C-alpha atoms as a PDB file:
ATOM      1  CA  MET A   1      -0.159  -0.027  -0.052  1.00  0.00           C
ATOM      2  CA  ARG A   2       1.307   3.349  -0.936  1.00  0.00           C
ATOM      3  CA  SER A   3       1.189   6.539   1.010  1.00  0.00           C
ATOM      4  CA  LYS A   4      -0.805   9.469  -0.029  1.00  0.00           C
ATOM      5  CA  ILE A   5       2.605  11.368  -0.568  1.00  0.00           C
ATOM      6  CA  ALA A   6       4.081   8.677  -2.541  1.00  0.00           C
ATOM      7  CA  GLN A   7       0.973   8.430  -4.878  1.00  0.00           C
ATOM      8  CA  ARG A   8       0.913  12.324  -5.354  1.00  0.00           C
ATOM      9  CA  ILE A   9       4.475  11.959  -6.501  1.00  0.00           C
ATOM     10  CA  ILE A  10       3.863   9.101  -8.893  1.00  0.00           C
ATOM     11  CA  ASP A  11       0.596  11.014 -10.210  1.00  0.00           C
ATOM     12  CA  SER A  12       2.680  14.203 -10.797  1.00  0.00           C
ATOM     13  CA  THR A  13       5.532  12.481 -12.720  1.00  0.00           C
ATOM     14  CA  PRO A  14       5.508  12.967 -16.249  1.00  0.00           C
ATOM     15  CA  LYS A  15       4.697  10.063 -18.412  1.00  0.00           C
ATOM     16  CA  ASP A  16       7.933  10.126 -20.433  1.00  0.00           C
ATOM     17  CA  VAL A  17       9.634   9.898 -17.082  1.00  0.00           C
ATOM     18  CA  GLN A  18       7.625   7.054 -15.738  1.00  0.00           C
ATOM     19  CA  VAL A  19       8.327   5.096 -19.106  1.00  0.00           C
ATOM     20  CA  PHE A  20      12.124   5.633 -18.902  1.00  0.00           C
ATOM     21  CA  THR A  21      12.130   4.595 -15.396  1.00  0.00           C
ATOM     22  CA  ASP A  22      10.179   1.382 -16.152  1.00  0.00           C
ATOM     23  CA  LEU A  23      12.578   0.448 -19.048  1.00  0.00           C
ATOM     24  CA  TYR A  24      15.751   1.335 -17.327  1.00  0.00           C
ATOM     25  CA  THR A  25      14.788  -0.709 -14.227  1.00  0.00           C
ATOM     26  CA  ASP A  26      13.880  -3.574 -16.483  1.00  0.00           C
ATOM     27  CA  LEU A  27      17.097  -3.511 -18.460  1.00  0.00           C
ATOM     28  CA  ILE A  28      19.214  -3.327 -15.128  1.00  0.00           C
ATOM     29  CA  PHE A  29      17.436  -6.175 -13.731  1.00  0.00           C
ATOM     30  CA  ARG A  30      17.698  -8.220 -17.114  1.00  0.00           C
ATOM     31  CA  ILE A  31      21.405  -7.557 -17.199  1.00  0.00           C
ATOM     32  CA  ASN A  32      21.855  -8.516 -13.508  1.00  0.00           C
ATOM     33  CA  ASP A  33      19.758 -11.620 -13.926  1.00  0.00           C
ATOM     34  CA  LEU A  34      22.073 -12.799 -16.993  1.00  0.00           C
ATOM     35  CA  ILE A  35      25.219 -12.026 -15.079  1.00  0.00           C
ATOM     36  CA  ASP A  36      23.938 -14.456 -12.468  1.00  0.00           C
ATOM     37  CA  ALA A  37      22.839 -17.107 -14.737  1.00  0.00           C
ATOM     38  CA  LYS A  38      25.978 -17.372 -16.437  1.00  0.00           C
ATOM     39  CA  GLY A  39      27.778 -17.215 -13.037  1.00  0.00           C
ATOM     40  CA  TRP A  40      29.783 -14.247 -13.995  1.00  0.00           C
ATOM     41  CA  SER A  41      30.850 -11.243 -12.006  1.00  0.00           C
ATOM     42  CA  LYS A  42      30.351  -7.651 -13.003  1.00  0.00           C
ATOM     43  CA  LYS A  43      34.109  -7.416 -13.386  1.00  0.00           C
ATOM     44  CA  ASP A  44      33.714 -10.430 -15.893  1.00  0.00           C
ATOM     45  CA  LEU A  45      31.320  -8.678 -17.830  1.00  0.00           C
ATOM     46  CA  ALA A  46      33.155  -5.432 -17.850  1.00  0.00           C
ATOM     47  CA  GLU A  47      36.256  -7.365 -19.126  1.00  0.00           C
ATOM     48  CA  LYS A  48      34.280  -9.180 -21.922  1.00  0.00           C
ATOM     49  CA  MET A  49      33.092  -5.557 -22.902  1.00  0.00           C
ATOM     50  CA  GLY A  50      36.650  -3.995 -22.884  1.00  0.00           C
ATOM     51  CA  LYS A  51      35.419  -1.576 -20.280  1.00  0.00           C
ATOM     52  CA  LYS A  52      36.545  -0.824 -16.951  1.00  0.00           C
ATOM     53  CA  PRO A  53      34.421  -2.144 -13.877  1.00  0.00           C
ATOM     54  CA  SER A  54      33.886   1.303 -12.642  1.00  0.00           C
ATOM     55  CA  ASP A  55      32.274   2.348 -16.007  1.00  0.00           C
ATOM     56  CA  LEU A  56      29.926  -0.663 -15.911  1.00  0.00           C
ATOM     57  CA  SER A  57      29.194   0.192 -12.124  1.00  0.00           C
ATOM     58  CA  ARG A  58      28.164   3.649 -13.213  1.00  0.00           C
ATOM     59  CA  MET A  59      25.887   2.427 -15.747  1.00  0.00           C
ATOM     60  CA  LEU A  60      24.357  -0.297 -13.663  1.00  0.00           C
ATOM     61  CA  GLY A  61      24.093   1.935 -10.851  1.00  0.00           C
ATOM     62  CA  GLY A  62      22.095   4.538 -12.647  1.00  0.00           C
ATOM     63  CA  LYS A  63      24.818   7.174 -12.556  1.00  0.00           C
ATOM     64  CA  HIS A  64      25.420   7.089 -16.480  1.00  0.00           C
ATOM     65  CA  ASN A  65      22.445   6.451 -18.816  1.00  0.00           C
ATOM     66  CA  PRO A  66      23.225   3.645 -21.346  1.00  0.00           C
ATOM     67  CA  THR A  67      23.388   4.686 -24.913  1.00  0.00           C
ATOM     68  CA  LEU A  68      22.009   2.370 -27.644  1.00  0.00           C
ATOM     69  CA  LYS A  69      25.663   1.577 -28.630  1.00  0.00           C
ATOM     70  CA  SER A  70      26.498   0.747 -24.954  1.00  0.00           C
ATOM     71  CA  ILE A  71      23.244  -1.725 -24.771  1.00  0.00           C
ATOM     72  CA  ALA A  72      24.504  -3.237 -27.977  1.00  0.00           C
ATOM     73  CA  LEU A  73      27.919  -3.882 -26.398  1.00  0.00           C
ATOM     74  CA  LEU A  74      26.256  -5.284 -23.310  1.00  0.00           C
ATOM     75  CA  SER A  75      24.173  -7.517 -25.539  1.00  0.00           C
ATOM     76  CA  ALA A  76      27.094  -8.800 -27.367  1.00  0.00           C
ATOM     77  CA  ALA A  77      29.286  -9.433 -24.225  1.00  0.00           C
ATOM     78  CA  LEU A  78      26.293 -11.338 -22.748  1.00  0.00           C
ATOM     79  CA  GLU A  79      25.386 -13.053 -26.051  1.00  0.00           C
ATOM     80  CA  GLU A  80      21.724 -12.366 -25.132  1.00  0.00           C
ATOM     81  CA  GLU A  81      19.043 -10.029 -26.661  1.00  0.00           C
ATOM     82  CA  LEU A  82      18.367  -7.068 -24.254  1.00  0.00           C
ATOM     83  CA  ILE A  83      15.962  -5.021 -26.320  1.00  0.00           C
ATOM     84  CA  TYR A  84      13.136  -6.682 -28.564  1.00  0.00           C
ATOM     85  CA  ILE A  85      11.731  -4.580 -31.336  1.00  0.00           C
ATOM     86  CA  PRO A  86       9.585  -6.362 -33.696  1.00  0.00           C
ATOM     87  CA  LYS A  87      10.297  -5.752 -37.399  1.00  0.00           C
ATOM     88  CA  SER A  88       7.488  -5.560 -39.830  1.00  0.00           C
ATOM     89  CA  LYS A  89       6.856  -5.963 -43.445  1.00  0.00           C
ATOM     90  CA  THR A  90       4.174  -5.038 -45.824  1.00  0.00           C
ATOM     91  CA  VAL A  91       2.940  -7.885 -48.284  1.00  0.00           C
ATOM     92  CA  VAL A  92       1.149  -6.893 -51.634  1.00  0.00           C
ATOM     93  CA  HIS A  93      -0.759  -9.619 -53.379  1.00  0.00           C
ATOM     94  CA  SER A  94      -1.829  -7.914 -56.668  1.00  0.00           C
ATOM     95  CA  SER A  95      -0.906  -4.548 -58.410  1.00  0.00           C
ATOM     96  CA  SER A  96      -4.646  -3.339 -58.066  1.00  0.00           C
ATOM     97  CA  LYS A  97      -5.754  -4.823 -54.662  1.00  0.00           C
ATOM     98  CA  SER A  98      -3.490  -5.270 -51.712  1.00  0.00           C
ATOM     99  CA  VAL A  99      -3.452  -6.586 -48.317  1.00  0.00           C
ATOM    100  CA  VAL A 100      -1.139  -4.933 -45.697  1.00  0.00           C
ATOM    101  CA  MET A 101       0.021  -7.436 -43.097  1.00  0.00           C
ATOM    102  CA  THR A 102       2.216  -7.008 -40.211  1.00  0.00           C
ATOM    103  CA  SER A 103       4.443 -10.097 -39.817  1.00  0.00           C
ATOM    104  CA  TYR A 104       7.180 -10.103 -37.239  1.00  0.00           C
ATOM    105  CA  VAL A 105      10.283 -11.546 -38.950  1.00  0.00           C
ATOM    106  CA  ASN A 106      12.785 -11.512 -36.122  1.00  0.00           C
ATOM    107  CA  LYS A 107      13.055 -14.164 -33.444  1.00  0.00           C
ATOM    108  CA  PRO A 108      10.960 -13.952 -30.381  1.00  0.00           C
ATOM    109  CA  PRO A 109      12.845 -12.565 -27.235  1.00  0.00           C
ATOM    110  CA  THR A 110      14.825 -14.917 -25.351  1.00  0.00           C
ATOM    111  CA  TYR A 111      13.806 -13.486 -22.090  1.00  0.00           C
ATOM    112  CA  SER A 112      10.642 -13.666 -20.101  1.00  0.00           C
ATOM    113  CA  THR A 113       7.725 -11.398 -21.683  1.00  0.00           C
ATOM    114  CA  GLN A 114       5.397 -12.038 -18.536  1.00  0.00           C
ATOM    115  CA  GLY A 115       3.544  -8.941 -18.046  1.00  0.00           C
ATOM    116  CA  TYR A 116       3.485  -7.856 -21.478  1.00  0.00           C
ATOM    117  CA  GLU A 117       0.374  -8.115 -23.544  1.00  0.00           C
ATOM    118  CA  ALA A 118       0.704  -9.776 -27.193  1.00  0.00           C
ATOM    119  CA  LYS A 119      -2.225 -10.183 -29.623  1.00  0.00           C
ATOM    120  CA  GLN A 120      -2.341 -12.912 -32.119  1.00  0.00           C
ATOM    121  CA  MET A 121      -4.072 -13.202 -35.365  1.00  0.00           C
ATOM    122  CA  ASN A 122      -5.592 -16.516 -36.684  1.00  0.00           C
ATOM    123  CA  VAL A 123      -4.373 -16.772 -40.323  1.00  0.00           C
ATOM    124  CA  GLU A 124      -5.183 -20.518 -40.568  1.00  0.00           C
ATOM    125  CA  ASN A 125      -7.954 -19.734 -43.157  1.00  0.00           C
ATOM    126  CA  TYR A 126      -6.202 -16.706 -44.791  1.00  0.00           C
ATOM    127  CA  GLN A 127      -7.077 -16.370 -48.348  1.00  0.00           C
ATOM    128  CA  PRO A 128      -5.051 -13.772 -50.553  1.00  0.00           C
ATOM    129  CA  LEU A 129      -7.308 -11.359 -52.852  1.00  0.00           C
ATOM    130  CA  ALA A 130      -7.907 -12.472 -56.232  1.00  0.00           C
ATOM    131  CA  SER A 131      -6.043 -10.672 -58.898  1.00  0.00           C
END
């Protein structure tokens, strides 16, 4: 149960700050879970990244915002996906009529998506438009 003061602070926090905080927290938890699962120390990860342990500590401790480049470096060192962004593609069935379908062509995330909502479309009986 949150206090009234804590709830007022949360309610007055801009949406982008809330989203950033959620994403950053999820990312740090994911990195720490992977470090633990691999039996590594943070020093081991820093060495695999070619970084000083203090640099990694600043990033994981919230004193330095990770850039997309540093997230890619972390992902490569951990050999795990840290950010999952679905890729989409447009499918055209004829020159006069078309169907636009979003199809996710990259692999599903290797991490738990518990808490995330996903919608699936049943395409079992899909029939393309006649040309």
